[in-house]
Amino acid sequence: MRTESREPALLNGDDAPLAQQLKTLPTAQLFDEFSWRRLASELRLTPRQCEIARLICEGGSYKSIASQVQISINTVRMHVRALFAKLGVRDRVGLMLKLITADRLLNGSWRATGSAE
């Protein structure tokens, strides 16, 4: 018998519905400056990783990120691989889901699973 979870999709690992929603979000407005600083600190991102993550969330391609940051496309790829590995994600959507989840947990918008009521 299958039981339905009432947890937010980002917390129970079922990110398919939210992945669809992310496609319609104005990604440049996901986080304000304070949120980016707090996420970088909490997730232990380097300044460059934070910058790359921000540009990815704004929809930047590797080529446009390389141009904006003034590094090669291969260096962008290296930073993205390191960022994905650090956060345990496999792609851009996974990155955005991880950042949104972390931000909401830090804001207290969501209660972490397993916490006492």
PDB file of N, CA and C in Angstrom:
ATOM      1  N   MET A   1       0.844  -1.180   0.000  1.00  0.00           N
ATOM      2  CA  MET A   1       0.000   0.000   0.000  1.00  0.00           C
ATOM      3  C   MET A   1       0.885   1.237   0.000  1.00  0.00           C
ATOM      4  N   ARG A   2       0.599   2.169  -0.863  1.00  0.00           N
ATOM      5  CA  ARG A   2       1.387   3.390  -0.987  1.00  0.00           C
ATOM      6  C   ARG A   2       0.764   4.497  -0.151  1.00  0.00           C
ATOM      7  N   THR A   3       1.602   5.156   0.620  1.00  0.00           N
ATOM      8  CA  THR A   3       1.114   6.285   1.410  1.00  0.00           C
ATOM      9  C   THR A   3       1.629   7.568   0.787  1.00  0.00           C
ATOM     10  N   GLU A   4       0.811   8.564   0.794  1.00  0.00           N
ATOM     11  CA  GLU A   4       1.179   9.864   0.238  1.00  0.00           C
ATOM     12  C   GLU A   4       1.885  10.701   1.293  1.00  0.00           C
ATOM     13  N   SER A   5       2.970  11.318   0.915  1.00  0.00           N
ATOM     14  CA  SER A   5       3.697  12.196   1.820  1.00  0.00           C
ATOM     15  C   SER A   5       3.097  13.593   1.756  1.00  0.00           C
ATOM     16  N   ARG A   6       3.011  14.257   2.873  1.00  0.00           N
ATOM     17  CA  ARG A   6       2.506  15.624   2.905  1.00  0.00           C
ATOM     18  C   ARG A   6       3.632  16.637   3.061  1.00  0.00           C
ATOM     19  N   GLU A   7       4.869  16.176   2.970  1.00  0.00           N
ATOM     20  CA  GLU A   7       6.015  17.065   3.064  1.00  0.00           C
ATOM     21  C   GLU A   7       6.164  17.829   1.763  1.00  0.00           C
ATOM     22  N   PRO A   8       6.776  19.026   1.796  1.00  0.00           N
ATOM     23  CA  PRO A   8       7.051  19.733   0.561  1.00  0.00           C
ATOM     24  C   PRO A   8       7.904  18.851  -0.344  1.00  0.00           C
ATOM     25  N   ALA A   9       7.658  18.935  -1.635  1.00  0.00           N
ATOM     26  CA  ALA A   9       8.343  18.065  -2.584  1.00  0.00           C
ATOM     27  C   ALA A   9       9.857  18.180  -2.492  1.00  0.00           C
ATOM     28  N   LEU A  10      10.389  19.352  -2.179  1.00  0.00           N
ATOM     29  CA  LEU A  10      11.835  19.506  -2.109  1.00  0.00           C
ATOM     30  C   LEU A  10      12.437  18.720  -0.958  1.00  0.00           C
ATOM     31  N   LEU A  11      11.678  18.460   0.062  1.00  0.00           N
ATOM     32  CA  LEU A  11      12.223  17.783   1.225  1.00  0.00           C
ATOM     33  C   LEU A  11      12.134  16.273   1.131  1.00  0.00           C
ATOM     34  N   ASN A  12      11.184  15.746   0.361  1.00  0.00           N
ATOM     35  CA  ASN A  12      11.061  14.298   0.300  1.00  0.00           C
ATOM     36  C   ASN A  12      11.719  13.713  -0.943  1.00  0.00           C
ATOM     37  N   GLY A  13      12.432  14.510  -1.712  1.00  0.00           N
ATOM     38  CA  GLY A  13      13.182  14.003  -2.845  1.00  0.00           C
ATOM     39  C   GLY A  13      12.395  13.950  -4.142  1.00  0.00           C
ATOM     40  N   ASP A  14      11.113  14.207  -4.124  1.00  0.00           N
ATOM     41  CA  ASP A  14      10.308  14.184  -5.337  1.00  0.00           C
ATOM     42  C   ASP A  14      10.290  15.587  -5.921  1.00  0.00           C
ATOM     43  N   ASP A  15      11.297  15.903  -6.745  1.00  0.00           N
ATOM     44  CA  ASP A  15      11.424  17.264  -7.244  1.00  0.00           C
ATOM     45  C   ASP A  15      10.795  17.471  -8.615  1.00  0.00           C
ATOM     46  N   ALA A  16      10.122  16.488  -9.170  1.00  0.00           N
ATOM     47  CA  ALA A  16       9.545  16.636 -10.499  1.00  0.00           C
ATOM     48  C   ALA A  16       8.545  17.788 -10.581  1.00  0.00           C
ATOM     49  N   PRO A  17       7.558  17.892  -9.670  1.00  0.00           N
ATOM     50  CA  PRO A  17       6.619  19.009  -9.786  1.00  0.00           C
ATOM     51  C   PRO A  17       7.313  20.365  -9.633  1.00  0.00           C
ATOM     52  N   LEU A  18       8.264  20.456  -8.731  1.00  0.00           N
ATOM     53  CA  LEU A  18       8.953  21.721  -8.526  1.00  0.00           C
ATOM     54  C   LEU A  18       9.888  22.042  -9.683  1.00  0.00           C
ATOM     55  N   ALA A  19      10.462  21.027 -10.296  1.00  0.00           N
ATOM     56  CA  ALA A  19      11.314  21.261 -11.464  1.00  0.00           C
ATOM     57  C   ALA A  19      10.494  21.923 -12.567  1.00  0.00           C
ATOM     58  N   GLN A  20       9.258  21.498 -12.719  1.00  0.00           N
ATOM     59  CA  GLN A  20       8.384  22.122 -13.712  1.00  0.00           C
ATOM     60  C   GLN A  20       8.099  23.575 -13.345  1.00  0.00           C
ATOM     61  N   GLN A  21       7.890  23.824 -12.054  1.00  0.00           N
ATOM     62  CA  GLN A  21       7.613  25.181 -11.611  1.00  0.00           C
ATOM     63  C   GLN A  21       8.812  26.092 -11.806  1.00  0.00           C
ATOM     64  N   LEU A  22      10.015  25.545 -11.630  1.00  0.00           N
ATOM     65  CA  LEU A  22      11.222  26.361 -11.776  1.00  0.00           C
ATOM     66  C   LEU A  22      11.366  26.928 -13.171  1.00  0.00           C
ATOM     67  N   LYS A  23      10.834  26.229 -14.160  1.00  0.00           N
ATOM     68  CA  LYS A  23      10.949  26.689 -15.539  1.00  0.00           C
ATOM     69  C   LYS A  23      10.218  28.010 -15.755  1.00  0.00           C
ATOM     70  N   THR A  24       9.237  28.311 -14.903  1.00  0.00           N
ATOM     71  CA  THR A  24       8.447  29.522 -15.084  1.00  0.00           C
ATOM     72  C   THR A  24       8.831  30.643 -14.122  1.00  0.00           C
ATOM     73  N   LEU A  25       9.757  30.376 -13.200  1.00  0.00           N
ATOM     74  CA  LEU A  25      10.158  31.403 -12.233  1.00  0.00           C
ATOM     75  C   LEU A  25      11.066  32.447 -12.868  1.00  0.00           C
ATOM     76  N   PRO A  26      10.948  33.700 -12.441  1.00  0.00           N
ATOM     77  CA  PRO A  26      11.935  34.708 -12.847  1.00  0.00           C
ATOM     78  C   PRO A  26      13.212  34.478 -12.046  1.00  0.00           C
ATOM     79  N   THR A  27      14.113  33.658 -12.576  1.00  0.00           N
ATOM     80  CA  THR A  27      15.236  33.164 -11.795  1.00  0.00           C
ATOM     81  C   THR A  27      16.164  34.255 -11.293  1.00  0.00           C
ATOM     82  N   ALA A  28      16.237  35.372 -11.971  1.00  0.00           N
ATOM     83  CA  ALA A  28      17.129  36.438 -11.519  1.00  0.00           C
ATOM     84  C   ALA A  28      16.692  36.978 -10.165  1.00  0.00           C
ATOM     85  N   GLN A  29      15.441  36.726  -9.778  1.00  0.00           N
ATOM     86  CA  GLN A  29      14.920  37.263  -8.533  1.00  0.00           C
ATOM     87  C   GLN A  29      14.738  36.200  -7.455  1.00  0.00           C
ATOM     88  N   LEU A  30      15.399  35.060  -7.576  1.00  0.00           N
ATOM     89  CA  LEU A  30      15.241  34.004  -6.580  1.00  0.00           C
ATOM     90  C   LEU A  30      15.704  34.441  -5.203  1.00  0.00           C
ATOM     91  N   PHE A  31      16.856  35.117  -5.134  1.00  0.00           N
ATOM     92  CA  PHE A  31      17.450  35.471  -3.849  1.00  0.00           C
ATOM     93  C   PHE A  31      17.931  36.914  -3.866  1.00  0.00           C
ATOM     94  N   ASP A  32      17.798  37.578  -2.721  1.00  0.00           N
ATOM     95  CA  ASP A  32      18.368  38.911  -2.594  1.00  0.00           C
ATOM     96  C   ASP A  32      19.829  38.779  -2.147  1.00  0.00           C
ATOM     97  N   GLU A  33      20.511  39.897  -2.033  1.00  0.00           N
ATOM     98  CA  GLU A  33      21.939  39.883  -1.682  1.00  0.00           C
ATOM     99  C   GLU A  33      22.189  39.232  -0.329  1.00  0.00           C
ATOM    100  N   PHE A  34      21.352  39.528   0.648  1.00  0.00           N
ATOM    101  CA  PHE A  34      21.503  38.931   1.974  1.00  0.00           C
ATOM    102  C   PHE A  34      21.374  37.408   1.901  1.00  0.00           C
ATOM    103  N   SER A  35      20.387  36.929   1.156  1.00  0.00           N
ATOM    104  CA  SER A  35      20.180  35.486   1.021  1.00  0.00           C
ATOM    105  C   SER A  35      21.381  34.814   0.373  1.00  0.00           C
ATOM    106  N   TRP A  36      21.949  35.457  -0.660  1.00  0.00           N
ATOM    107  CA  TRP A  36      23.131  34.883  -1.314  1.00  0.00           C
ATOM    108  C   TRP A  36      24.296  34.774  -0.337  1.00  0.00           C
ATOM    109  N   ARG A  37      24.512  35.822   0.452  1.00  0.00           N
ATOM    110  CA  ARG A  37      25.616  35.782   1.430  1.00  0.00           C
ATOM    111  C   ARG A  37      25.401  34.681   2.466  1.00  0.00           C
ATOM    112  N   ARG A  38      24.161  34.577   2.949  1.00  0.00           N
ATOM    113  CA  ARG A  38      23.851  33.569   3.954  1.00  0.00           C
ATOM    114  C   ARG A  38      23.978  32.158   3.373  1.00  0.00           C
ATOM    115  N   LEU A  39      23.485  31.966   2.141  1.00  0.00           N
ATOM    116  CA  LEU A  39      23.614  30.655   1.499  1.00  0.00           C
ATOM    117  C   LEU A  39      25.080  30.289   1.290  1.00  0.00           C
ATOM    118  N   ALA A  40      25.874  31.249   0.826  1.00  0.00           N
ATOM    119  CA  ALA A  40      27.294  30.992   0.595  1.00  0.00           C
ATOM    120  C   ALA A  40      27.980  30.583   1.893  1.00  0.00           C
ATOM    121  N   SER A  41      27.649  31.262   2.964  1.00  0.00           N
ATOM    122  CA  SER A  41      28.247  30.946   4.257  1.00  0.00           C
ATOM    123  C   SER A  41      27.780  29.585   4.754  1.00  0.00           C
ATOM    124  N   GLU A  42      26.497  29.358   4.721  1.00  0.00           N
ATOM    125  CA  GLU A  42      25.917  28.125   5.257  1.00  0.00           C
ATOM    126  C   GLU A  42      26.346  26.900   4.450  1.00  0.00           C
ATOM    127  N   LEU A  43      26.433  27.041   3.123  1.00  0.00           N
ATOM    128  CA  LEU A  43      26.799  25.916   2.263  1.00  0.00           C
ATOM    129  C   LEU A  43      28.307  25.849   2.010  1.00  0.00           C
ATOM    130  N   ARG A  44      29.035  26.798   2.605  1.00  0.00           N
ATOM    131  CA  ARG A  44      30.499  26.865   2.491  1.00  0.00           C
ATOM    132  C   ARG A  44      30.968  26.976   1.044  1.00  0.00           C
ATOM    133  N   LEU A  45      30.324  27.886   0.317  1.00  0.00           N
ATOM    134  CA  LEU A  45      30.704  28.145  -1.061  1.00  0.00           C
ATOM    135  C   LEU A  45      31.809  29.189  -1.094  1.00  0.00           C
ATOM    136  N   THR A  46      32.747  29.001  -2.000  1.00  0.00           N
ATOM    137  CA  THR A  46      33.767  30.021  -2.203  1.00  0.00           C
ATOM    138  C   THR A  46      33.102  31.212  -2.894  1.00  0.00           C
ATOM    139  N   PRO A  47      33.729  32.389  -2.858  1.00  0.00           N
ATOM    140  CA  PRO A  47      33.148  33.533  -3.571  1.00  0.00           C
ATOM    141  C   PRO A  47      32.918  33.230  -5.052  1.00  0.00           C
ATOM    142  N   ARG A  48      33.845  32.516  -5.686  1.00  0.00           N
ATOM    143  CA  ARG A  48      33.689  32.185  -7.111  1.00  0.00           C
ATOM    144  C   ARG A  48      32.541  31.208  -7.324  1.00  0.00           C
ATOM    145  N   GLN A  49      32.403  30.205  -6.453  1.00  0.00           N
ATOM    146  CA  GLN A  49      31.293  29.266  -6.568  1.00  0.00           C
ATOM    147  C   GLN A  49      29.960  29.976  -6.392  1.00  0.00           C
ATOM    148  N   CYS A  50      29.914  30.914  -5.467  1.00  0.00           N
ATOM    149  CA  CYS A  50      28.690  31.682  -5.263  1.00  0.00           C
ATOM    150  C   CYS A  50      28.357  32.502  -6.504  1.00  0.00           C
ATOM    151  N   GLU A  51      29.366  33.119  -7.078  1.00  0.00           N
ATOM    152  CA  GLU A  51      29.169  33.919  -8.291  1.00  0.00           C
ATOM    153  C   GLU A  51      28.671  33.043  -9.449  1.00  0.00           C
ATOM    154  N   ILE A  52      29.279  31.885  -9.627  1.00  0.00           N
ATOM    155  CA  ILE A  52      28.869  30.965 -10.689  1.00  0.00           C
ATOM    156  C   ILE A  52      27.444  30.475 -10.432  1.00  0.00           C
ATOM    157  N   ALA A  53      27.131  30.131  -9.192  1.00  0.00           N
ATOM    158  CA  ALA A  53      25.776  29.675  -8.848  1.00  0.00           C
ATOM    159  C   ALA A  53      24.749  30.758  -9.159  1.00  0.00           C
ATOM    160  N   ARG A  54      25.077  31.994  -8.814  1.00  0.00           N
ATOM    161  CA  ARG A  54      24.160  33.103  -9.088  1.00  0.00           C
ATOM    162  C   ARG A  54      23.913  33.252 -10.588  1.00  0.00           C
ATOM    163  N   LEU A  55      24.968  33.182 -11.367  1.00  0.00           N
ATOM    164  CA  LEU A  55      24.830  33.324 -12.816  1.00  0.00           C
ATOM    165  C   LEU A  55      24.062  32.155 -13.432  1.00  0.00           C
ATOM    166  N   ILE A  56      24.255  30.955 -12.891  1.00  0.00           N
ATOM    167  CA  ILE A  56      23.479  29.805 -13.355  1.00  0.00           C
ATOM    168  C   ILE A  56      21.999  30.028 -13.045  1.00  0.00           C
ATOM    169  N   CYS A  57      21.695  30.503 -11.843  1.00  0.00           N
ATOM    170  CA  CYS A  57      20.309  30.752 -11.450  1.00  0.00           C
ATOM    171  C   CYS A  57      19.669  31.860 -12.286  1.00  0.00           C
ATOM    172  N   GLU A  58      20.491  32.732 -12.822  1.00  0.00           N
ATOM    173  CA  GLU A  58      19.977  33.781 -13.701  1.00  0.00           C
ATOM    174  C   GLU A  58      19.803  33.281 -15.129  1.00  0.00           C
ATOM    175  N   GLY A  59      20.116  31.995 -15.357  1.00  0.00           N
ATOM    176  CA  GLY A  59      19.910  31.402 -16.672  1.00  0.00           C
ATOM    177  C   GLY A  59      21.092  31.504 -17.608  1.00  0.00           C
ATOM    178  N   GLY A  60      22.250  31.870 -17.074  1.00  0.00           N
ATOM    179  CA  GLY A  60      23.424  32.043 -17.918  1.00  0.00           C
ATOM    180  C   GLY A  60      23.952  30.746 -18.489  1.00  0.00           C
ATOM    181  N   SER A  61      24.382  30.801 -19.743  1.00  0.00           N
ATOM    182  CA  SER A  61      25.043  29.657 -20.374  1.00  0.00           C
ATOM    183  C   SER A  61      26.506  29.672 -19.948  1.00  0.00           C
ATOM    184  N   TYR A  62      27.205  28.565 -20.171  1.00  0.00           N
ATOM    185  CA  TYR A  62      28.623  28.528 -19.840  1.00  0.00           C
ATOM    186  C   TYR A  62      29.367  29.632 -20.585  1.00  0.00           C
ATOM    187  N   LYS A  63      28.993  29.844 -21.828  1.00  0.00           N
ATOM    188  CA  LYS A  63      29.661  30.866 -22.643  1.00  0.00           C
ATOM    189  C   LYS A  63      29.424  32.262 -22.064  1.00  0.00           C
ATOM    190  N   SER A  64      28.180  32.565 -21.689  1.00  0.00           N
ATOM    191  CA  SER A  64      27.889  33.897 -21.148  1.00  0.00           C
ATOM    192  C   SER A  64      28.524  34.080 -19.766  1.00  0.00           C
ATOM    193  N   ILE A  65      28.554  33.015 -18.970  1.00  0.00           N
ATOM    194  CA  ILE A  65      29.193  33.094 -17.648  1.00  0.00           C
ATOM    195  C   ILE A  65      30.688  33.354 -17.832  1.00  0.00           C
ATOM    196  N   ALA A  66      31.311  32.620 -18.748  1.00  0.00           N
ATOM    197  CA  ALA A  66      32.745  32.801 -19.017  1.00  0.00           C
ATOM    198  C   ALA A  66      33.033  34.238 -19.425  1.00  0.00           C
ATOM    199  N   SER A  67      32.188  34.799 -20.266  1.00  0.00           N
ATOM    200  CA  SER A  67      32.371  36.176 -20.720  1.00  0.00           C
ATOM    201  C   SER A  67      32.210  37.172 -19.570  1.00  0.00           C
ATOM    202  N   GLN A  68      31.194  36.985 -18.746  1.00  0.00           N
ATOM    203  CA  GLN A  68      30.935  37.916 -17.647  1.00  0.00           C
ATOM    204  C   GLN A  68      32.029  37.866 -16.585  1.00  0.00           C
ATOM    205  N   VAL A  69      32.526  36.658 -16.297  1.00  0.00           N
ATOM    206  CA  VAL A  69      33.510  36.486 -15.233  1.00  0.00           C
ATOM    207  C   VAL A  69      34.936  36.610 -15.770  1.00  0.00           C
ATOM    208  N   GLN A  70      35.054  36.636 -17.088  1.00  0.00           N
ATOM    209  CA  GLN A  70      36.335  36.755 -17.780  1.00  0.00           C
ATOM    210  C   GLN A  70      37.272  35.582 -17.487  1.00  0.00           C
ATOM    211  N   ILE A  71      36.708  34.378 -17.669  1.00  0.00           N
ATOM    212  CA  ILE A  71      37.478  33.149 -17.578  1.00  0.00           C
ATOM    213  C   ILE A  71      37.097  32.278 -18.771  1.00  0.00           C
ATOM    214  N   SER A  72      37.820  31.197 -18.993  1.00  0.00           N
ATOM    215  CA  SER A  72      37.509  30.332 -20.130  1.00  0.00           C
ATOM    216  C   SER A  72      36.276  29.471 -19.838  1.00  0.00           C
ATOM    217  N   ILE A  73      35.668  28.967 -20.896  1.00  0.00           N
ATOM    218  CA  ILE A  73      34.512  28.097 -20.750  1.00  0.00           C
ATOM    219  C   ILE A  73      34.907  26.832 -19.983  1.00  0.00           C
ATOM    220  N   ASN A  74      36.112  26.323 -20.249  1.00  0.00           N
ATOM    221  CA  ASN A  74      36.564  25.131 -19.518  1.00  0.00           C
ATOM    222  C   ASN A  74      36.703  25.410 -18.022  1.00  0.00           C
ATOM    223  N   THR A  75      37.122  26.609 -17.660  1.00  0.00           N
ATOM    224  CA  THR A  75      37.220  26.966 -16.245  1.00  0.00           C
ATOM    225  C   THR A  75      35.829  27.062 -15.629  1.00  0.00           C
ATOM    226  N   VAL A  76      34.874  27.571 -16.383  1.00  0.00           N
ATOM    227  CA  VAL A  76      33.481  27.603 -15.912  1.00  0.00           C
ATOM    228  C   VAL A  76      33.021  26.172 -15.650  1.00  0.00           C
ATOM    229  N   ARG A  77      33.282  25.282 -16.595  1.00  0.00           N
ATOM    230  CA  ARG A  77      32.892  23.877 -16.421  1.00  0.00           C
ATOM    231  C   ARG A  77      33.511  23.285 -15.155  1.00  0.00           C
ATOM    232  N   MET A  78      34.778  23.602 -14.916  1.00  0.00           N
ATOM    233  CA  MET A  78      35.466  23.102 -13.720  1.00  0.00           C
ATOM    234  C   MET A  78      34.773  23.614 -12.454  1.00  0.00           C
ATOM    235  N   HIS A  79      34.458  24.908 -12.425  1.00  0.00           N
ATOM    236  CA  HIS A  79      33.773  25.492 -11.266  1.00  0.00           C
ATOM    237  C   HIS A  79      32.391  24.866 -11.070  1.00  0.00           C
ATOM    238  N   VAL A  80      31.674  24.646 -12.162  1.00  0.00           N
ATOM    239  CA  VAL A  80      30.335  24.062 -12.082  1.00  0.00           C
ATOM    240  C   VAL A  80      30.415  22.634 -11.552  1.00  0.00           C
ATOM    241  N   ARG A  81      31.369  21.844 -12.049  1.00  0.00           N
ATOM    242  CA  ARG A  81      31.536  20.471 -11.542  1.00  0.00           C
ATOM    243  C   ARG A  81      31.834  20.472 -10.043  1.00  0.00           C
ATOM    244  N   ALA A  82      32.718  21.357  -9.608  1.00  0.00           N
ATOM    245  CA  ALA A  82      33.067  21.440  -8.182  1.00  0.00           C
ATOM    246  C   ALA A  82      31.852  21.876  -7.358  1.00  0.00           C
ATOM    247  N   LEU A  83      31.093  22.821  -7.871  1.00  0.00           N
ATOM    248  CA  LEU A  83      29.892  23.305  -7.189  1.00  0.00           C
ATOM    249  C   LEU A  83      28.853  22.199  -7.074  1.00  0.00           C
ATOM    250  N   PHE A  84      28.600  21.489  -8.171  1.00  0.00           N
ATOM    251  CA  PHE A  84      27.630  20.395  -8.156  1.00  0.00           C
ATOM    252  C   PHE A  84      28.069  19.302  -7.183  1.00  0.00           C
ATOM    253  N   ALA A  85      29.361  18.965  -7.197  1.00  0.00           N
ATOM    254  CA  ALA A  85      29.873  17.923  -6.295  1.00  0.00           C
ATOM    255  C   ALA A  85      29.730  18.353  -4.840  1.00  0.00           C
ATOM    256  N   LYS A  86      30.057  19.603  -4.551  1.00  0.00           N
ATOM    257  CA  LYS A  86      29.973  20.096  -3.175  1.00  0.00           C
ATOM    258  C   LYS A  86      28.545  20.040  -2.649  1.00  0.00           C
ATOM    259  N   LEU A  87      27.579  20.363  -3.520  1.00  0.00           N
ATOM    260  CA  LEU A  87      26.184  20.412  -3.094  1.00  0.00           C
ATOM    261  C   LEU A  87      25.435  19.102  -3.328  1.00  0.00           C
ATOM    262  N   GLY A  88      26.100  18.140  -3.971  1.00  0.00           N
ATOM    263  CA  GLY A  88      25.476  16.845  -4.197  1.00  0.00           C
ATOM    264  C   GLY A  88      24.342  16.877  -5.203  1.00  0.00           C
ATOM    265  N   VAL A  89      24.503  17.692  -6.248  1.00  0.00           N
ATOM    266  CA  VAL A  89      23.483  17.784  -7.294  1.00  0.00           C
ATOM    267  C   VAL A  89      24.099  17.375  -8.623  1.00  0.00           C
ATOM    268  N   ARG A  90      23.228  17.129  -9.613  1.00  0.00           N
ATOM    269  CA  ARG A  90      23.717  16.669 -10.910  1.00  0.00           C
ATOM    270  C   ARG A  90      23.519  17.654 -12.047  1.00  0.00           C
ATOM    271  N   ASP A  91      22.670  18.659 -11.826  1.00  0.00           N
ATOM    272  CA  ASP A  91      22.384  19.578 -12.922  1.00  0.00           C
ATOM    273  C   ASP A  91      21.904  20.927 -12.381  1.00  0.00           C
ATOM    274  N   ARG A  92      21.593  21.835 -13.306  1.00  0.00           N
ATOM    275  CA  ARG A  92      21.169  23.186 -12.934  1.00  0.00           C
ATOM    276  C   ARG A  92      19.890  23.193 -12.098  1.00  0.00           C
ATOM    277  N   VAL A  93      18.936  22.375 -12.480  1.00  0.00           N
ATOM    278  CA  VAL A  93      17.679  22.318 -11.730  1.00  0.00           C
ATOM    279  C   VAL A  93      17.950  21.820 -10.313  1.00  0.00           C
ATOM    280  N   GLY A  94      18.792  20.795 -10.199  1.00  0.00           N
ATOM    281  CA  GLY A  94      19.159  20.298  -8.882  1.00  0.00           C
ATOM    282  C   GLY A  94      19.821  21.367  -8.037  1.00  0.00           C
ATOM    283  N   LEU A  95      20.673  22.168  -8.676  1.00  0.00           N
ATOM    284  CA  LEU A  95      21.332  23.279  -7.974  1.00  0.00           C
ATOM    285  C   LEU A  95      20.298  24.266  -7.447  1.00  0.00           C
ATOM    286  N   MET A  96      19.372  24.650  -8.315  1.00  0.00           N
ATOM    287  CA  MET A  96      18.361  25.620  -7.906  1.00  0.00           C
ATOM    288  C   MET A  96      17.463  25.054  -6.799  1.00  0.00           C
ATOM    289  N   LEU A  97      17.095  23.786  -6.920  1.00  0.00           N
ATOM    290  CA  LEU A  97      16.278  23.167  -5.881  1.00  0.00           C
ATOM    291  C   LEU A  97      17.012  23.135  -4.545  1.00  0.00           C
ATOM    292  N   LYS A  98      18.295  22.808  -4.590  1.00  0.00           N
ATOM    293  CA  LYS A  98      19.111  22.765  -3.366  1.00  0.00           C
ATOM    294  C   LYS A  98      19.186  24.153  -2.731  1.00  0.00           C
ATOM    295  N   LEU A  99      19.412  25.171  -3.539  1.00  0.00           N
ATOM    296  CA  LEU A  99      19.517  26.531  -3.021  1.00  0.00           C
ATOM    297  C   LEU A  99      18.186  27.027  -2.458  1.00  0.00           C
ATOM    298  N   ILE A 100      17.099  26.728  -3.154  1.00  0.00           N
ATOM    299  CA  ILE A 100      15.780  27.149  -2.679  1.00  0.00           C
ATOM    300  C   ILE A 100      15.452  26.448  -1.364  1.00  0.00           C
ATOM    301  N   THR A 101      15.732  25.152  -1.302  1.00  0.00           N
ATOM    302  CA  THR A 101      15.474  24.394  -0.075  1.00  0.00           C
ATOM    303  C   THR A 101      16.283  24.956   1.087  1.00  0.00           C
ATOM    304  N   ALA A 102      17.571  25.163   0.856  1.00  0.00           N
ATOM    305  CA  ALA A 102      18.438  25.700   1.910  1.00  0.00           C
ATOM    306  C   ALA A 102      17.956  27.067   2.361  1.00  0.00           C
ATOM    307  N   ASP A 103      17.582  27.923   1.406  1.00  0.00           N
ATOM    308  CA  ASP A 103      17.115  29.269   1.742  1.00  0.00           C
ATOM    309  C   ASP A 103      15.840  29.209   2.583  1.00  0.00           C
ATOM    310  N   ARG A 104      14.916  28.360   2.194  1.00  0.00           N
ATOM    311  CA  ARG A 104      13.657  28.262   2.945  1.00  0.00           C
ATOM    312  C   ARG A 104      13.877  27.680   4.333  1.00  0.00           C
ATOM    313  N   LEU A 105      14.771  26.701   4.440  1.00  0.00           N
ATOM    314  CA  LEU A 105      15.070  26.151   5.764  1.00  0.00           C
ATOM    315  C   LEU A 105      15.736  27.200   6.650  1.00  0.00           C
ATOM    316  N   LEU A 106      16.635  27.993   6.075  1.00  0.00           N
ATOM    317  CA  LEU A 106      17.300  29.042   6.846  1.00  0.00           C
ATOM    318  C   LEU A 106      16.329  30.138   7.264  1.00  0.00           C
ATOM    319  N   ASN A 107      15.351  30.406   6.415  1.00  0.00           N
ATOM    320  CA  ASN A 107      14.342  31.429   6.729  1.00  0.00           C
ATOM    321  C   ASN A 107      13.285  30.929   7.695  1.00  0.00           C
ATOM    322  N   GLY A 108      13.257  29.617   7.916  1.00  0.00           N
ATOM    323  CA  GLY A 108      12.208  29.055   8.762  1.00  0.00           C
ATOM    324  C   GLY A 108      10.908  28.858   8.018  1.00  0.00           C
ATOM    325  N   SER A 109      10.928  29.004   6.681  1.00  0.00           N
ATOM    326  CA  SER A 109       9.714  28.814   5.890  1.00  0.00           C
ATOM    327  C   SER A 109       9.263  27.367   5.897  1.00  0.00           C
ATOM    328  N   TRP A 110      10.236  26.453   5.993  1.00  0.00           N
ATOM    329  CA  TRP A 110       9.936  25.026   6.066  1.00  0.00           C
ATOM    330  C   TRP A 110      10.558  24.470   7.319  1.00  0.00           C
ATOM    331  N   ARG A 111       9.903  23.530   7.898  1.00  0.00           N
ATOM    332  CA  ARG A 111      10.453  22.824   9.036  1.00  0.00           C
ATOM    333  C   ARG A 111      11.211  21.616   8.504  1.00  0.00           C
ATOM    334  N   ALA A 112      12.395  21.402   8.980  1.00  0.00           N
ATOM    335  CA  ALA A 112      13.189  20.259   8.555  1.00  0.00           C
ATOM    336  C   ALA A 112      12.470  18.969   8.944  1.00  0.00           C
ATOM    337  N   THR A 113      12.574  17.946   8.102  1.00  0.00           N
ATOM    338  CA  THR A 113      11.921  16.680   8.409  1.00  0.00           C
ATOM    339  C   THR A 113      12.550  16.072   9.649  1.00  0.00           C
ATOM    340  N   GLY A 114      11.729  15.430  10.436  1.00  0.00           N
ATOM    341  CA  GLY A 114      12.221  14.772  11.645  1.00  0.00           C
ATOM    342  C   GLY A 114      12.352  15.675  12.848  1.00  0.00           C
ATOM    343  N   SER A 115      12.005  16.956  12.705  1.00  0.00           N
ATOM    344  CA  SER A 115      12.127  17.842  13.859  1.00  0.00           C
ATOM    345  C   SER A 115      10.924  17.681  14.782  1.00  0.00           C
ATOM    346  N   ALA A 116      11.128  17.957  16.034  1.00  0.00           N
ATOM    347  CA  ALA A 116      10.057  17.841  17.031  1.00  0.00           C
ATOM    348  C   ALA A 116       9.039  18.938  16.837  1.00  0.00           C
ATOM    349  N   GLU A 117       7.803  18.615  17.081  1.00  0.00           N
ATOM    350  CA  GLU A 117       6.756  19.642  16.950  1.00  0.00           C
ATOM    351  C   GLU A 117       6.487  20.308  18.267  1.00  0.00           C
TER     352      GLU A 117
END
